[in-house]
Amino acid sequence: MPHSVSLINTVAAGLGLALVLGFLAARLRLPALVGYLLAGVIIGPFTPGFVADAEIAAQLAEIGVMLLMFGVGLHFSLDDLLAVRKIALPGAIVQMAVATLLGGALATWWGWSLGGALVFGLALSVASTVVLLRALESLGLLDSFTGRIAVGWLVVEDLAMVLVLVLLPPLAGVMGGKTAVADAAPVWQTLGLTLLQVGGFVVLMLVVGRRVFPWILWQVTRTGSRELFTLCVVAAAVSIAFASAALFGVSFALGAFFAGMVMRESEFSHRAAQESLPLRDAFAVLFFVSVGMLFNPAVLIERPLQVLAVVGVIVVGKSVAACALVLLLRYPLSTALTVSASLAQIGEFSFILAALGVSLGLLPAEGQSLLLAGALISIATNPLWFSLIGPLQKWLHARSSLARSLTLRDDPLAELPVSTEAKYLSRHVVLVGYGRVGRRIAAELAAHDVPFVVAEQNRELVEKLRAEGLAAVWGDAADPAVLIQAHVARARVLVVAVADAMNVRQMIETARTLNPAIETVIRSHNEEEARLLSEEVEATVFLGEHELAQSMARAVLSRAAPA
């Protein structure tokens, strides 16, 4: 029996307590992350009782960071980002700048250095991708256009934070912190060398890695061994992250992110994500536990006003800035409120940046505790903000002329042109959504000369459809004005091809109020949801898995059934 079991003690205590507190948090309808962070607080050095090994926990957290960022890279789609680039790119950059200014102003008021204020503001400006993905998935919004905007927004934030993590060490000396090297080289030389190293790594991964690593994954897959496949995926994530830090001087996070990106080029990327998910989740839990160990609960008693100010920047400052930006870019109020709720929290990148800031002597230890307190409170309250989107929107429409004007404002894309042919105005099909499913439906309708009008929330897509000669209106089909402009009152069929469980009932209610005889066809991903929709709104509901199974069964029977 070995005498030193610090690793076993840390893993057992961390995972065991995280399971209990995560379960309790889920029962209270809070994100499980709150339970994981609290587990770290309990086994940390600032609370009585058992204290886990902080050094081992930190190393386990590094593995958690690698696997988390590997997962982000696996799900990162350049096409999805480009589809929402006109809102996600400027929105994320401006919102990060506003949050950084707000957080930096607070830190300066408290007497911190310029470097500490900058790190603190940047840590407040970026939201948790993990929290967002889980929230959107639970609400059925992950595949909606609004969901893609929120995810694209956070991907831009993540990429910006990766750049910050790369540039901060060489610039630390200029901002009053510790330099990363012993000899004081000129700032421009250090910065140039760092960017050259990062650029070389990125080029190597995109040019060589995109060809080599998918090929390796294919060779391992041919062995038929599931264990080897899982080992290949995990080894790629950890090895590339370590090699990138050792050879190019970049962070583990950036190396793991690009490992995921190059693995995505393989046709087995989906399987790679599935196979690595359990290990990724386990180490992600240890990452959040290790972050909780750094939190000193005394900050809630000693600095309550500072904690409230931090939460105010996260929940109010960031959300108001994001909402205003989305509305300025002429997107619907519902999209603005959803994006605002998505950003009303901070997470993993904030923790990573805070730890780096402390190690470089830029951020004071109290700043890390304030960030952790803000993260705990904002993550715990995030489901509440999502639940208030619908009631708040109705309340604003009922009492605010400005809210109604934002919904009904004059926009050439929000109504069909006067020159629209008569066949698109009567006895036609109203198609809500022009995504992967909507495009295929539209192609079939066009092949059979069935006229249709598309209702879509993506402005760029509506512009493209009109340029191609198709009838399309821009806006959220849950808003009656959009369906009115699509002439649903005289349509034959309403087809809801978007995965938006929250608003589909409202769309059908509006359509049947305007046109009681209209037929409705809906898509669904959830069997229980499909059953409820077919019973409540008397619509024809297509469940993805059911239709796939039927098509496959027909193909099998055509080949295997006796003559």
Protein backbone atom coordinates (compact mmCIF):
# COMPACT_ATOMS: atom_id res chain seq x y z
CA MET A 1 0.00 0.00 0.00
CA PRO A 2 1.63 3.31 -1.03
CA HIS A 3 2.16 5.88 1.68
CA SER A 4 1.26 8.89 -0.48
CA VAL A 5 -2.26 8.88 -1.86
CA SER A 6 -2.76 12.62 -2.43
CA LEU A 7 -3.88 12.06 -6.02
CA ILE A 8 -6.46 9.44 -5.00
CA ASN A 9 -7.68 11.60 -2.10
CA THR A 10 -8.07 14.65 -4.33
CA VAL A 11 -9.87 12.80 -7.14
CA ALA A 12 -12.13 10.82 -4.79
CA ALA A 13 -13.08 13.81 -2.65
CA GLY A 14 -13.50 16.13 -5.64
CA LEU A 15 -15.63 13.80 -7.78
CA GLY A 16 -17.64 12.41 -4.86
CA LEU A 17 -18.57 15.78 -3.41
CA ALA A 18 -19.16 17.23 -6.88
CA LEU A 19 -21.62 14.40 -7.58
CA VAL A 20 -23.61 15.10 -4.40
CA LEU A 21 -23.67 18.88 -4.76
CA GLY A 22 -24.18 18.74 -8.53
CA PHE A 23 -27.19 16.48 -7.98
CA LEU A 24 -28.62 18.87 -5.37
CA ALA A 25 -28.07 21.83 -7.69
CA ALA A 26 -29.86 20.04 -10.52
CA ARG A 27 -32.78 19.19 -8.21
CA LEU A 28 -33.01 22.90 -7.35
CA ARG A 29 -33.07 23.66 -11.11
CA LEU A 30 -29.63 25.27 -10.97
CA PRO A 31 -26.73 24.48 -13.32
CA ALA A 32 -24.68 21.54 -12.03
CA LEU A 33 -21.61 23.77 -12.38
CA VAL A 34 -22.73 25.58 -9.23
CA GLY A 35 -22.47 22.29 -7.32
CA TYR A 36 -19.02 21.57 -8.74
CA LEU A 37 -17.72 25.00 -7.73
CA LEU A 38 -19.18 24.63 -4.24
CA ALA A 39 -17.51 21.22 -3.92
CA GLY A 40 -14.18 22.90 -4.58
CA VAL A 41 -14.94 25.56 -1.97
CA ILE A 42 -15.63 22.87 0.65
CA ILE A 43 -12.41 20.91 0.04
CA GLY A 44 -10.37 24.07 -0.46
CA PRO A 45 -7.95 25.68 2.02
CA PHE A 46 -10.36 28.45 3.04
CA THR A 47 -12.94 26.18 4.71
CA PRO A 48 -12.49 23.83 7.70
CA GLY A 49 -12.18 20.07 7.38
CA PHE A 50 -10.51 18.03 4.66
CA VAL A 51 -8.21 20.03 2.36
CA ALA A 52 -7.32 18.53 -1.03
CA ASP A 53 -3.88 18.84 -2.59
CA ALA A 54 -4.04 22.16 -4.45
CA GLU A 55 -1.02 21.39 -6.67
CA ILE A 56 -2.44 18.08 -7.88
CA ALA A 57 -5.86 19.68 -8.35
CA ALA A 58 -4.24 22.39 -10.49
CA GLN A 59 -2.60 19.79 -12.75
CA LEU A 60 -5.85 17.90 -13.10
CA ALA A 61 -7.48 21.22 -13.95
CA GLU A 62 -4.95 21.72 -16.76
CA ILE A 63 -6.06 18.40 -18.27
CA GLY A 64 -9.65 19.56 -17.85
CA VAL A 65 -8.85 22.76 -19.75
CA MET A 66 -7.23 20.77 -22.56
CA LEU A 67 -10.23 18.47 -22.95
CA LEU A 68 -12.74 21.32 -22.64
CA MET A 69 -11.04 23.32 -25.38
CA PHE A 70 -10.62 20.17 -27.48
CA GLY A 71 -14.40 19.75 -27.29
CA VAL A 72 -14.95 23.37 -28.30
CA GLY A 73 -12.66 22.84 -31.29
CA LEU A 74 -14.52 19.67 -32.31
CA HIS A 75 -17.79 21.60 -32.43
CA PHE A 76 -16.33 24.73 -34.00
CA SER A 77 -17.73 25.19 -37.49
CA LEU A 78 -16.37 27.97 -39.64
CA ASP A 79 -19.50 27.80 -41.80
CA ASP A 80 -21.81 28.32 -38.81
CA LEU A 81 -19.73 31.28 -37.68
CA LEU A 82 -19.70 32.84 -41.15
CA ALA A 83 -23.51 32.54 -41.32
CA VAL A 84 -23.87 34.89 -38.33
CA ARG A 85 -20.64 36.88 -38.78
CA LYS A 86 -22.38 40.22 -39.41
CA ILE A 87 -23.89 40.17 -35.93
CA ALA A 88 -21.59 37.86 -33.92
CA LEU A 89 -18.29 39.47 -34.89
CA PRO A 90 -19.06 43.18 -34.28
CA GLY A 91 -21.40 42.31 -31.41
CA ALA A 92 -18.86 40.23 -29.49
CA ILE A 93 -16.02 42.72 -30.00
CA VAL A 94 -18.04 45.78 -28.94
CA GLN A 95 -19.67 43.97 -26.01
CA MET A 96 -16.26 42.77 -24.77
CA ALA A 97 -14.93 46.32 -25.03
CA VAL A 98 -17.87 47.71 -23.03
CA ALA A 99 -17.57 45.03 -20.32
CA THR A 100 -13.79 45.52 -20.13
CA LEU A 101 -14.26 49.26 -19.67
CA LEU A 102 -16.89 48.74 -16.96
CA GLY A 103 -14.81 46.15 -15.10
CA GLY A 104 -11.62 48.17 -15.55
CA ALA A 105 -13.33 51.30 -14.23
CA LEU A 106 -14.42 49.42 -11.11
CA ALA A 107 -10.93 48.05 -10.52
CA THR A 108 -9.36 51.49 -11.02
CA TRP A 109 -11.83 52.98 -8.54
CA TRP A 110 -10.71 50.33 -6.04
CA GLY A 111 -7.09 51.42 -6.51
CA TRP A 112 -5.76 48.53 -8.58
CA SER A 113 -2.98 48.90 -11.15
CA LEU A 114 -3.70 49.42 -14.85
CA GLY A 115 -2.65 45.84 -15.64
CA GLY A 116 -4.88 44.42 -12.90
CA ALA A 117 -7.82 46.54 -14.09
CA LEU A 118 -7.35 45.34 -17.68
CA VAL A 119 -7.18 41.66 -16.71
CA PHE A 120 -10.18 42.06 -14.40
CA GLY A 121 -12.27 43.75 -17.09
CA LEU A 122 -11.36 41.18 -19.72
CA ALA A 123 -12.24 38.33 -17.34
CA LEU A 124 -15.70 39.86 -16.85
CA SER A 125 -16.26 40.30 -20.59
CA VAL A 126 -16.34 36.63 -21.66
CA ALA A 127 -19.19 34.21 -20.93
CA SER A 128 -19.03 30.45 -20.39
CA THR A 129 -19.55 28.37 -23.52
CA VAL A 130 -20.29 25.32 -21.34
CA VAL A 131 -23.09 27.09 -19.46
CA LEU A 132 -24.55 28.53 -22.67
CA LEU A 133 -24.59 25.24 -24.58
CA ARG A 134 -26.32 23.44 -21.73
CA ALA A 135 -28.89 26.25 -21.32
CA LEU A 136 -29.75 26.38 -25.04
CA GLU A 137 -29.95 22.59 -25.25
CA SER A 138 -32.36 22.39 -22.30
CA LEU A 139 -34.59 25.03 -23.92
CA GLY A 140 -34.51 23.43 -27.37
CA LEU A 141 -32.85 26.53 -28.89
CA LEU A 142 -29.45 25.12 -29.80
CA ASP A 143 -30.33 24.53 -33.47
CA SER A 144 -32.39 27.72 -33.85
CA PHE A 145 -31.05 30.80 -35.58
CA THR A 146 -31.04 32.70 -32.29
CA GLY A 147 -29.10 29.84 -30.73
CA ARG A 148 -26.55 29.94 -33.55
CA ILE A 149 -26.11 33.69 -33.02
CA ALA A 150 -25.46 33.16 -29.31
CA VAL A 151 -23.01 30.31 -29.93
CA GLY A 152 -21.24 32.25 -32.71
CA TRP A 153 -21.00 35.26 -30.41
CA LEU A 154 -19.30 33.15 -27.73
CA VAL A 155 -16.99 31.49 -30.27
CA VAL A 156 -15.75 34.96 -31.25
CA GLU A 157 -15.28 35.74 -27.54
CA ASP A 158 -13.37 32.49 -27.05
CA LEU A 159 -11.07 33.21 -29.99
CA ALA A 160 -10.43 36.71 -28.67
CA MET A 161 -9.60 35.31 -25.23
CA VAL A 162 -7.20 32.78 -26.75
CA LEU A 163 -5.38 35.74 -28.31
CA VAL A 164 -5.38 37.53 -24.93
CA LEU A 165 -3.89 34.47 -23.21
CA VAL A 166 -1.13 34.38 -25.82
CA LEU A 167 -0.28 38.10 -25.66
CA LEU A 168 -0.58 38.67 -21.91
CA PRO A 169 2.70 37.02 -20.75
CA PRO A 170 5.01 39.01 -23.06
CA LEU A 171 3.17 42.24 -22.21
CA ALA A 172 3.02 41.63 -18.45
CA GLY A 173 6.25 43.50 -17.74
CA VAL A 174 5.01 46.65 -19.47
CA MET A 175 1.81 46.61 -17.38
CA GLY A 176 3.66 46.28 -14.07
CA GLY A 177 3.72 42.50 -13.70
CA LYS A 178 6.36 39.79 -13.92
CA THR A 179 8.08 39.26 -17.26
CA ALA A 180 7.90 35.77 -18.70
CA VAL A 181 11.67 35.69 -19.38
CA ALA A 182 14.65 36.58 -17.24
CA ASP A 183 16.34 38.90 -19.72
CA ALA A 184 14.36 42.03 -20.43
CA ALA A 185 14.03 42.04 -24.22
CA PRO A 186 12.30 44.97 -25.98
CA VAL A 187 8.52 44.71 -25.90
CA TRP A 188 8.15 44.81 -29.69
CA GLN A 189 10.70 42.02 -30.04
CA THR A 190 8.98 39.83 -27.44
CA LEU A 191 5.56 40.50 -28.94
CA GLY A 192 6.77 39.86 -32.47
CA LEU A 193 8.43 36.60 -31.47
CA THR A 194 5.28 35.46 -29.68
CA LEU A 195 3.06 36.25 -32.66
CA LEU A 196 5.55 34.51 -34.98
CA GLN A 197 5.49 31.37 -32.81
CA VAL A 198 1.69 31.37 -32.65
CA GLY A 199 1.44 32.02 -36.38
CA GLY A 200 3.81 29.15 -37.13
CA PHE A 201 1.80 26.82 -34.92
CA VAL A 202 -1.52 27.84 -36.52
CA VAL A 203 -0.16 27.40 -40.05
CA LEU A 204 1.34 24.02 -39.17
CA MET A 205 -1.94 22.80 -37.70
CA LEU A 206 -4.14 24.10 -40.52
CA VAL A 207 -1.86 22.98 -43.36
CA VAL A 208 -0.32 19.77 -42.02
CA GLY A 209 -2.55 18.82 -39.10
CA ARG A 210 -5.77 18.93 -41.14
CA ARG A 211 -4.34 16.19 -43.38
CA VAL A 212 -2.27 14.13 -40.98
CA PHE A 213 -4.51 13.74 -37.93
CA PRO A 214 -7.73 12.75 -39.79
CA TRP A 215 -5.60 10.17 -41.67
CA ILE A 216 -4.26 8.79 -38.37
CA LEU A 217 -7.80 8.61 -36.99
CA TRP A 218 -8.90 6.67 -40.09
CA GLN A 219 -6.04 4.19 -39.70
CA VAL A 220 -6.93 3.58 -36.05
CA THR A 221 -10.61 3.20 -36.96
CA ARG A 222 -9.73 0.46 -39.44
CA THR A 223 -8.43 -1.71 -36.56
CA GLY A 224 -11.99 -1.97 -35.24
CA SER A 225 -10.81 -1.36 -31.67
CA ARG A 226 -12.98 1.08 -29.74
CA GLU A 227 -10.33 1.38 -27.01
CA LEU A 228 -7.66 2.41 -29.53
CA PHE A 229 -10.03 4.93 -31.10
CA THR A 230 -10.77 6.57 -27.73
CA LEU A 231 -7.08 6.50 -26.84
CA CYS A 232 -6.19 8.13 -30.17
CA VAL A 233 -8.68 10.97 -29.59
CA VAL A 234 -7.57 11.68 -26.02
CA ALA A 235 -3.87 11.30 -26.85
CA ALA A 236 -4.25 13.75 -29.73
CA ALA A 237 -5.91 16.33 -27.47
CA VAL A 238 -3.35 16.11 -24.65
CA SER A 239 -0.25 15.51 -26.80
CA ILE A 240 -0.90 18.34 -29.24
CA ALA A 241 -1.66 20.70 -26.35
CA PHE A 242 1.58 19.72 -24.58
CA ALA A 243 3.69 19.83 -27.75
CA SER A 244 2.30 23.24 -28.70
CA ALA A 245 3.33 24.63 -25.30
CA ALA A 246 6.77 22.98 -25.37
CA LEU A 247 7.70 23.78 -28.99
CA PHE A 248 5.83 26.98 -29.79
CA GLY A 249 5.27 28.52 -26.35
CA VAL A 250 1.50 28.78 -26.78
CA SER A 251 -1.05 27.85 -24.14
CA PHE A 252 -2.44 24.38 -23.53
CA ALA A 253 -5.88 25.83 -24.30
CA LEU A 254 -4.89 27.03 -27.79
CA GLY A 255 -3.15 23.74 -28.62
CA ALA A 256 -6.14 21.67 -27.55
CA PHE A 257 -8.54 23.96 -29.43
CA PHE A 258 -6.66 23.48 -32.70
CA ALA A 259 -6.41 19.75 -32.04
CA GLY A 260 -10.21 19.67 -31.97
CA MET A 261 -10.42 21.81 -35.10
CA VAL A 262 -8.19 19.52 -37.16
CA MET A 263 -9.99 16.43 -35.85
CA ARG A 264 -13.25 17.98 -37.05
CA GLU A 265 -11.98 17.57 -40.62
CA SER A 266 -12.29 13.80 -40.19
CA GLU A 267 -15.53 12.05 -41.08
CA PHE A 268 -15.28 10.46 -37.63
CA SER A 269 -15.35 13.79 -35.78
CA HIS A 270 -18.83 13.13 -34.41
CA ARG A 271 -17.73 9.76 -33.06
CA ALA A 272 -14.58 11.37 -31.64
CA ALA A 273 -16.73 13.88 -29.77
CA GLN A 274 -18.97 11.11 -28.42
CA GLU A 275 -16.12 8.82 -27.38
CA SER A 276 -14.21 11.57 -25.56
CA LEU A 277 -17.31 13.04 -23.91
CA PRO A 278 -17.28 11.00 -20.65
CA LEU A 279 -13.59 11.65 -20.00
CA ARG A 280 -14.00 15.28 -21.00
CA ASP A 281 -16.93 15.72 -18.62
CA ALA A 282 -15.06 14.05 -15.74
CA PHE A 283 -12.00 16.25 -16.09
CA ALA A 284 -14.19 19.30 -16.67
CA VAL A 285 -15.77 18.60 -13.28
CA LEU A 286 -12.29 18.46 -11.72
CA PHE A 287 -11.48 21.74 -13.44
CA PHE A 288 -14.46 23.50 -11.85
CA VAL A 289 -13.70 21.84 -8.49
CA SER A 290 -10.11 23.13 -8.62
CA VAL A 291 -11.42 26.61 -9.44
CA GLY A 292 -13.74 26.46 -6.43
CA MET A 293 -10.74 25.60 -4.23
CA LEU A 294 -9.31 29.02 -5.03
CA PHE A 295 -12.41 30.85 -3.77
CA ASN A 296 -12.35 32.42 -0.34
CA PRO A 297 -15.96 32.67 0.95
CA ALA A 298 -14.87 35.43 3.32
CA VAL A 299 -14.99 37.84 0.37
CA LEU A 300 -18.81 37.69 0.53
CA ILE A 301 -18.67 39.06 4.09
CA GLU A 302 -15.66 41.35 3.78
CA ARG A 303 -16.48 42.88 0.38
CA PRO A 304 -20.24 42.51 -0.24
CA LEU A 305 -20.56 45.78 -2.16
CA GLN A 306 -17.67 44.85 -4.46
CA VAL A 307 -19.26 41.46 -5.12
CA LEU A 308 -22.58 43.16 -5.98
CA ALA A 309 -20.75 45.55 -8.32
CA VAL A 310 -19.09 42.63 -10.10
CA VAL A 311 -22.42 40.80 -10.46
CA GLY A 312 -23.95 44.04 -11.75
CA VAL A 313 -21.37 44.30 -14.53
CA ILE A 314 -21.87 40.64 -15.49
CA VAL A 315 -25.66 40.46 -15.35
CA VAL A 316 -26.71 44.04 -16.14
CA GLY A 317 -23.82 45.80 -17.90
CA LYS A 318 -22.97 43.04 -20.39
CA SER A 319 -26.62 42.17 -21.03
CA VAL A 320 -27.76 45.74 -21.69
CA ALA A 321 -24.80 46.35 -24.01
CA ALA A 322 -25.50 43.13 -25.94
CA CYS A 323 -29.24 43.85 -26.18
CA ALA A 324 -28.59 47.36 -27.52
CA LEU A 325 -26.09 46.06 -30.08
CA VAL A 326 -28.44 43.37 -31.39
CA LEU A 327 -31.27 45.89 -31.73
CA LEU A 328 -28.95 48.39 -33.47
CA LEU A 329 -28.11 45.65 -35.98
CA ARG A 330 -31.86 45.45 -36.69
CA TYR A 331 -32.59 42.03 -35.23
CA PRO A 332 -35.82 41.18 -33.35
CA LEU A 333 -36.36 41.94 -29.68
CA SER A 334 -36.64 38.21 -28.86
CA THR A 335 -33.17 37.62 -30.35
CA ALA A 336 -31.75 40.54 -28.38
CA LEU A 337 -33.21 39.23 -25.09
CA THR A 338 -31.96 35.68 -25.71
CA VAL A 339 -28.42 36.86 -26.50
CA SER A 340 -28.52 39.08 -23.40
CA ALA A 341 -29.50 36.16 -21.16
CA SER A 342 -26.79 34.02 -22.77
CA LEU A 343 -24.09 36.52 -21.82
CA ALA A 344 -25.26 37.16 -18.25
CA GLN A 345 -22.62 34.85 -16.73
CA ILE A 346 -18.89 34.18 -16.76
CA GLY A 347 -17.05 30.86 -16.76
CA GLU A 348 -14.03 28.85 -17.75
CA PHE A 349 -12.02 31.46 -19.69
CA SER A 350 -12.54 33.97 -16.89
CA PHE A 351 -11.00 31.48 -14.44
CA ILE A 352 -8.07 30.71 -16.76
CA LEU A 353 -7.35 34.41 -17.35
CA ALA A 354 -7.65 35.22 -13.64
CA ALA A 355 -5.18 32.46 -12.71
CA LEU A 356 -2.74 33.71 -15.37
CA GLY A 357 -3.15 37.29 -14.16
CA VAL A 358 -2.34 36.29 -10.57
CA SER A 359 0.69 34.23 -11.64
CA LEU A 360 2.04 37.19 -13.64
CA GLY A 361 1.59 39.56 -10.70
CA LEU A 362 -1.05 41.66 -12.46
CA LEU A 363 -4.28 40.68 -10.73
CA PRO A 364 -4.46 40.78 -6.91
CA ALA A 365 -5.67 37.65 -5.13
CA GLU A 366 -8.84 39.44 -4.04
CA GLY A 367 -9.64 39.99 -7.73
CA GLN A 368 -9.66 36.25 -8.31
CA SER A 369 -12.02 35.77 -5.35
CA LEU A 370 -14.33 38.52 -6.65
CA LEU A 371 -14.40 36.89 -10.09
CA LEU A 372 -15.21 33.51 -8.58
CA ALA A 373 -17.99 35.03 -6.47
CA GLY A 374 -19.41 36.72 -9.55
CA ALA A 375 -19.21 33.45 -11.49
CA LEU A 376 -21.01 31.48 -8.79
CA ILE A 377 -23.85 33.98 -8.51
CA SER A 378 -24.23 34.63 -12.26
CA ILE A 379 -24.20 30.94 -13.19
CA ALA A 380 -26.72 30.13 -10.45
CA THR A 381 -29.12 32.87 -11.60
CA ASN A 382 -28.68 32.34 -15.37
CA PRO A 383 -31.68 29.96 -15.76
CA LEU A 384 -33.86 32.66 -14.17
CA TRP A 385 -32.98 35.18 -16.89
CA PHE A 386 -33.84 32.68 -19.63
CA SER A 387 -37.20 31.95 -17.99
CA LEU A 388 -38.02 35.68 -17.92
CA ILE A 389 -37.48 36.24 -21.67
CA GLY A 390 -41.04 35.38 -22.71
CA PRO A 391 -42.88 37.27 -19.91
CA LEU A 392 -40.58 40.28 -20.29
CA GLN A 393 -41.17 40.44 -24.02
CA LYS A 394 -44.95 40.34 -23.56
CA TRP A 395 -44.76 42.96 -20.81
CA LEU A 396 -42.67 45.28 -22.97
CA HIS A 397 -44.99 44.88 -25.96
CA ALA A 398 -48.02 45.66 -23.81
CA ARG A 399 -46.58 48.75 -22.10
CA SER A 400 -43.83 50.15 -24.31
CA SER A 401 -44.42 51.87 -27.63
CA LEU A 402 -40.66 51.65 -28.23
CA ALA A 403 -40.75 47.83 -27.95
CA ARG A 404 -43.64 47.69 -30.40
CA SER A 405 -41.84 49.99 -32.79
CA LEU A 406 -38.74 47.79 -32.62
CA THR A 407 -40.89 44.84 -33.63
CA LEU A 408 -42.88 46.65 -36.29
CA ARG A 409 -40.22 49.09 -37.53
CA ASP A 410 -40.06 49.88 -41.20
CA ASP A 411 -37.64 47.53 -42.94
CA PRO A 412 -37.67 46.58 -46.63
CA LEU A 413 -36.85 42.96 -45.78
CA ALA A 414 -39.74 42.69 -43.29
CA GLU A 415 -42.40 42.73 -46.01
CA LEU A 416 -42.78 41.28 -49.46
CA PRO A 417 -41.98 43.67 -52.35
CA VAL A 418 -44.89 45.23 -54.21
CA SER A 419 -43.72 43.45 -57.35
CA THR A 420 -44.23 39.96 -55.80
CA GLU A 421 -46.15 37.64 -58.12
CA ALA A 422 -49.74 36.82 -57.23
CA LYS A 423 -49.01 33.08 -56.87
CA TYR A 424 -47.00 33.86 -53.69
CA LEU A 425 -49.91 35.73 -52.11
CA SER A 426 -52.65 33.11 -52.16
CA ARG A 427 -52.97 29.31 -51.86
CA HIS A 428 -49.23 29.07 -51.18
CA VAL A 429 -47.03 27.49 -48.49
CA VAL A 430 -45.49 29.55 -45.69
CA LEU A 431 -42.12 27.99 -44.83
CA VAL A 432 -40.68 29.10 -41.48
CA GLY A 433 -36.90 28.59 -41.49
CA TYR A 434 -34.44 28.02 -44.32
CA GLY A 435 -31.83 25.90 -42.55
CA ARG A 436 -30.74 22.36 -43.37
CA VAL A 437 -34.33 21.06 -43.22
CA GLY A 438 -36.00 24.13 -44.72
CA ARG A 439 -33.71 24.16 -47.76
CA ARG A 440 -34.61 20.57 -48.61
CA ILE A 441 -38.34 21.24 -48.23
CA ALA A 442 -38.02 24.33 -50.43
CA ALA A 443 -36.20 22.33 -53.10
CA GLU A 444 -38.98 19.73 -53.19
CA LEU A 445 -41.69 22.41 -53.35
CA ALA A 446 -39.88 24.17 -56.20
CA ALA A 447 -39.43 20.87 -58.06
CA HIS A 448 -43.22 20.36 -57.95
CA ASP A 449 -44.04 23.98 -58.83
CA VAL A 450 -45.63 24.69 -55.45
CA PRO A 451 -45.29 28.41 -54.58
CA PHE A 452 -43.93 29.22 -51.13
CA VAL A 453 -42.87 32.18 -49.01
CA VAL A 454 -39.92 31.83 -46.61
CA ALA A 455 -39.97 33.48 -43.17
CA GLU A 456 -36.39 33.61 -41.85
CA GLN A 457 -34.55 35.46 -39.04
CA ASN A 458 -31.21 35.64 -40.86
CA ARG A 459 -31.14 38.98 -42.70
CA GLU A 460 -28.25 37.99 -44.96
CA LEU A 461 -30.07 34.82 -45.98
CA VAL A 462 -33.27 36.74 -46.81
CA GLU A 463 -31.25 39.13 -48.98
CA LYS A 464 -29.69 36.15 -50.78
CA LEU A 465 -33.07 34.46 -51.36
CA ARG A 466 -34.54 37.63 -52.82
CA ALA A 467 -31.53 38.00 -55.10
CA GLU A 468 -32.29 34.47 -56.35
CA GLY A 469 -35.91 35.48 -57.09
CA LEU A 470 -37.53 33.68 -54.15
CA ALA A 471 -40.23 35.23 -51.98
CA ALA A 472 -38.90 35.77 -48.45
CA VAL A 473 -39.58 37.98 -45.43
CA TRP A 474 -37.24 38.70 -42.54
CA GLY A 475 -38.24 38.37 -38.89
CA ASP A 476 -39.28 36.04 -36.09
CA ALA A 477 -42.35 34.06 -37.16
CA ALA A 478 -43.54 34.09 -33.53
CA ASP A 479 -44.32 37.76 -34.18
CA PRO A 480 -47.76 38.03 -35.87
CA ALA A 481 -46.49 40.85 -38.11
CA VAL A 482 -44.07 38.47 -39.84
CA LEU A 483 -46.72 35.88 -40.66
CA ILE A 484 -49.06 38.65 -41.82
CA GLN A 485 -46.40 39.86 -44.24
CA ALA A 486 -45.99 36.26 -45.47
CA HIS A 487 -49.75 36.33 -46.27
CA VAL A 488 -50.50 33.41 -43.98
CA ALA A 489 -54.19 34.48 -43.97
CA ARG A 490 -54.51 33.19 -47.53
CA ALA A 491 -51.99 30.33 -47.39
CA ARG A 492 -52.80 26.62 -47.65
CA VAL A 493 -50.07 25.21 -45.37
CA LEU A 494 -47.79 26.50 -42.63
CA VAL A 495 -44.53 24.54 -42.36
CA VAL A 496 -42.39 25.15 -39.25
CA ALA A 497 -38.94 23.82 -40.21
CA VAL A 498 -37.03 25.38 -37.30
CA ALA A 499 -36.18 23.63 -34.03
CA ASP A 500 -37.87 26.23 -31.82
CA ALA A 501 -40.04 24.49 -29.26
CA MET A 502 -40.62 27.72 -27.32
CA ASN A 503 -42.42 29.66 -30.07
CA VAL A 504 -44.00 27.03 -32.29
CA ARG A 505 -47.33 27.16 -30.41
CA GLN A 506 -47.48 30.91 -30.82
CA MET A 507 -46.79 30.60 -34.56
CA ILE A 508 -49.63 28.10 -34.99
CA GLU A 509 -52.02 30.14 -32.82
CA THR A 510 -51.35 33.25 -34.90
CA ALA A 511 -51.74 31.36 -38.19
CA ARG A 512 -55.07 29.80 -37.17
CA THR A 513 -56.39 33.08 -35.84
CA LEU A 514 -55.75 34.63 -39.25
CA ASN A 515 -56.63 31.50 -41.23
CA PRO A 516 -58.71 28.87 -39.37
CA ALA A 517 -58.54 26.43 -42.32
CA ILE A 518 -54.75 26.39 -42.62
CA GLU A 519 -52.90 23.07 -42.35
CA THR A 520 -49.77 22.94 -40.17
CA VAL A 521 -46.69 20.73 -40.47
CA ILE A 522 -44.00 20.82 -37.76
CA ARG A 523 -40.60 19.25 -37.10
CA SER A 524 -39.51 18.02 -33.68
CA HIS A 525 -36.48 16.40 -32.06
CA ASN A 526 -38.15 15.22 -28.87
CA GLU A 527 -40.67 12.36 -28.73
CA GLU A 528 -42.58 13.79 -25.75
CA GLU A 529 -42.66 17.23 -27.33
CA ALA A 530 -43.92 15.74 -30.61
CA ARG A 531 -46.74 13.95 -28.78
CA LEU A 532 -47.80 17.09 -26.92
CA LEU A 533 -47.73 19.22 -30.07
CA SER A 534 -49.82 16.75 -32.04
CA GLU A 535 -52.40 16.67 -29.21
CA GLU A 536 -52.44 20.35 -28.26
CA VAL A 537 -52.30 22.08 -31.63
CA GLU A 538 -53.60 19.24 -33.84
CA ALA A 539 -50.70 19.56 -36.24
CA THR A 540 -48.83 17.03 -38.34
CA VAL A 541 -45.59 16.51 -36.42
CA PHE A 542 -42.51 14.82 -37.85
CA LEU A 543 -40.03 13.38 -35.38
CA GLY A 544 -36.52 13.16 -36.83
CA GLU A 545 -35.58 9.77 -35.38
CA HIS A 546 -38.97 8.26 -36.27
CA GLU A 547 -38.80 9.36 -39.91
CA LEU A 548 -35.19 8.15 -40.21
CA ALA A 549 -36.13 4.75 -38.77
CA GLN A 550 -39.06 4.42 -41.17
CA SER A 551 -36.92 5.30 -44.20
CA MET A 552 -34.23 2.84 -43.17
CA ALA A 553 -36.83 0.13 -42.52
CA ARG A 554 -38.33 0.63 -45.99
CA ALA A 555 -34.86 0.33 -47.53
CA VAL A 556 -34.18 -2.87 -45.59
CA LEU A 557 -37.55 -4.41 -46.46
CA SER A 558 -37.09 -3.64 -50.16
CA ARG A 559 -33.91 -5.71 -50.07
CA ALA A 560 -34.63 -8.38 -47.47
CA ALA A 561 -38.37 -9.06 -47.66
CA PRO A 562 -39.41 -12.27 -49.45
CA ALA A 563 -40.67 -11.86 -53.00
